[in-house]
Amino acid sequence: MNTNVKRNTSRLFAAVLAVMMVFVFTACGAKYADSPYVGTWTSDKVTMYGITISYDMEMDIKDTGKFSFKAGEDDGNGSWEIKDDKFYYEDSGTSIEGTIKNDKLHVTFTSGGSSFTSTMTKK
């Protein structure tokens, strides 16, 4: 095979591979790029059984469908989705559901038959 043909074939293959990689990485990117839920949310109070207490919490919600949280001494992470126009997470009997009203994220955490609510502010 001619050297120029080999070189042109290699260049064409490299260009096609580069275009394919762009599509692959784009598909793996932001699942919720335009979601108002995306961002870092903080709260310093929770309400449980009608009693409000001081309790520091932070949720970092990513546009990829992942999130992490820190609540007091506990932390964790998971995958979230939008379900019925709400932020939603569920795993092993624990759920988090939230809605945005007046620029605040109102969340309900439920686990083991107990639940608490919190109003979070975006950083």
Protein backbone atom coordinates (compact mmCIF):
# COMPACT_ATOMS: atom_id res chain seq x y z
CA MET A 1 0.00 0.00 0.00
CA ASN A 2 1.22 3.47 -0.85
CA THR A 3 2.67 5.48 2.07
CA ASN A 4 0.36 8.45 1.31
CA VAL A 5 -2.69 6.19 1.33
CA LYS A 6 -1.62 4.71 4.70
CA ARG A 7 -1.02 8.16 6.13
CA ASN A 8 -4.38 9.48 4.86
CA THR A 9 -6.18 6.39 6.17
CA SER A 10 -4.55 6.87 9.58
CA ARG A 11 -5.55 10.54 9.64
CA LEU A 12 -9.11 9.71 8.65
CA PHE A 13 -9.31 7.03 11.35
CA ALA A 14 -7.92 9.48 13.95
CA ALA A 15 -10.46 12.13 12.93
CA VAL A 16 -13.39 9.68 13.08
CA LEU A 17 -12.19 8.44 16.48
CA ALA A 18 -11.93 12.03 17.78
CA VAL A 19 -15.50 12.81 16.66
CA MET A 20 -16.78 9.61 18.29
CA MET A 21 -15.03 10.51 21.57
CA VAL A 22 -16.70 13.92 21.58
CA PHE A 23 -20.12 12.24 21.29
CA VAL A 24 -19.28 9.71 24.01
CA PHE A 25 -18.12 12.36 26.48
CA THR A 26 -21.08 14.62 25.66
CA ALA A 27 -23.51 11.78 26.33
CA CYS A 28 -21.88 11.15 29.72
CA GLY A 29 -22.09 14.78 30.75
CA ALA A 30 -24.79 16.84 32.36
CA LYS A 31 -28.04 14.97 32.75
CA TYR A 32 -29.74 17.89 34.51
CA ALA A 33 -27.80 20.89 33.18
CA ASP A 34 -30.76 23.27 33.41
CA SER A 35 -32.26 21.96 36.65
CA PRO A 36 -32.90 24.52 39.40
CA TYR A 37 -32.00 21.79 41.92
CA VAL A 38 -28.34 21.76 40.85
CA GLY A 39 -26.05 23.56 43.30
CA THR A 40 -24.96 23.54 46.92
CA TRP A 41 -27.78 23.92 49.44
CA THR A 42 -27.39 24.60 53.17
CA SER A 43 -29.62 24.63 56.21
CA ASP A 44 -29.10 25.18 59.90
CA LYS A 45 -32.48 23.91 61.17
CA VAL A 46 -34.68 20.84 60.86
CA THR A 47 -38.21 20.18 62.03
CA MET A 48 -39.29 16.81 63.40
CA TYR A 49 -42.58 16.05 65.20
CA GLY A 50 -43.34 19.77 65.20
CA ILE A 51 -40.11 20.69 66.99
CA THR A 52 -37.46 22.80 65.23
CA ILE A 53 -33.83 22.34 66.27
CA SER A 54 -30.47 23.67 65.12
CA TYR A 55 -28.81 21.16 62.83
CA ASP A 56 -26.27 21.98 60.12
CA MET A 57 -26.85 20.31 56.76
CA GLU A 58 -25.42 20.69 53.28
CA MET A 59 -26.40 19.02 50.00
CA ASP A 60 -24.28 19.32 46.87
CA ILE A 61 -26.51 18.41 43.92
CA LYS A 62 -24.65 17.81 40.64
CA ASP A 63 -26.03 18.13 37.11
CA THR A 64 -24.82 14.57 36.42
CA GLY A 65 -27.57 13.08 38.60
CA LYS A 66 -25.26 12.56 41.60
CA PHE A 67 -25.35 14.31 44.95
CA SER A 68 -23.60 14.28 48.30
CA PHE A 69 -24.75 15.44 51.69
CA LYS A 70 -23.46 16.17 55.15
CA ALA A 71 -25.93 16.25 58.02
CA GLY A 72 -24.41 16.77 61.43
CA GLU A 73 -21.80 14.02 61.78
CA ASP A 74 -23.29 11.91 58.97
CA ASP A 75 -22.50 12.10 55.29
CA GLY A 76 -23.29 10.16 52.16
CA ASN A 77 -23.96 10.30 48.46
CA GLY A 78 -26.20 8.85 45.82
CA SER A 79 -28.00 9.35 42.56
CA TRP A 80 -31.00 11.63 42.26
CA GLU A 81 -33.70 12.17 39.68
CA ILE A 82 -36.57 14.48 38.93
CA LYS A 83 -39.83 12.69 39.62
CA ASP A 84 -43.18 14.50 39.35
CA ASP A 85 -41.27 17.81 39.11
CA LYS A 86 -39.51 17.12 42.45
CA PHE A 87 -35.98 16.30 43.52
CA TYR A 88 -36.08 12.62 44.47
CA TYR A 89 -33.71 10.07 46.00
CA GLU A 90 -34.49 6.63 47.41
CA ASP A 91 -32.30 3.81 48.65
CA SER A 92 -32.76 1.04 51.22
CA GLY A 93 -35.77 2.55 52.97
CA THR A 94 -34.42 6.11 52.99
CA SER A 95 -35.87 8.79 50.77
CA ILE A 96 -35.36 12.48 50.18
CA GLU A 97 -37.97 14.52 48.34
CA GLY A 98 -37.73 18.23 47.65
CA THR A 99 -39.39 21.10 45.87
CA ILE A 100 -38.26 24.66 45.22
CA LYS A 101 -40.50 27.48 46.39
CA ASN A 102 -39.42 31.12 46.63
CA ASP A 103 -35.78 30.21 45.86
CA LYS A 104 -35.68 27.75 48.81
CA LEU A 105 -35.38 23.98 48.62
CA HIS A 106 -37.98 22.41 50.91
CA VAL A 107 -36.93 18.82 51.63
CA THR A 108 -38.41 15.90 53.51
CA PHE A 109 -36.04 13.17 54.67
CA THR A 110 -37.69 9.85 55.52
CA SER A 111 -35.97 6.82 57.02
CA GLY A 112 -37.20 3.91 59.09
CA GLY A 113 -40.68 5.32 59.62
CA SER A 114 -39.41 8.71 60.85
CA SER A 115 -39.10 11.89 58.89
CA PHE A 116 -37.94 15.46 59.23
CA THR A 117 -38.18 18.53 57.07
CA SER A 118 -35.80 21.35 56.31
CA THR A 119 -35.76 24.50 54.24
CA MET A 120 -32.44 24.93 52.45
CA THR A 121 -30.82 27.99 50.88
CA LYS A 122 -28.64 27.86 47.78
CA LYS A 123 -25.07 29.07 48.32
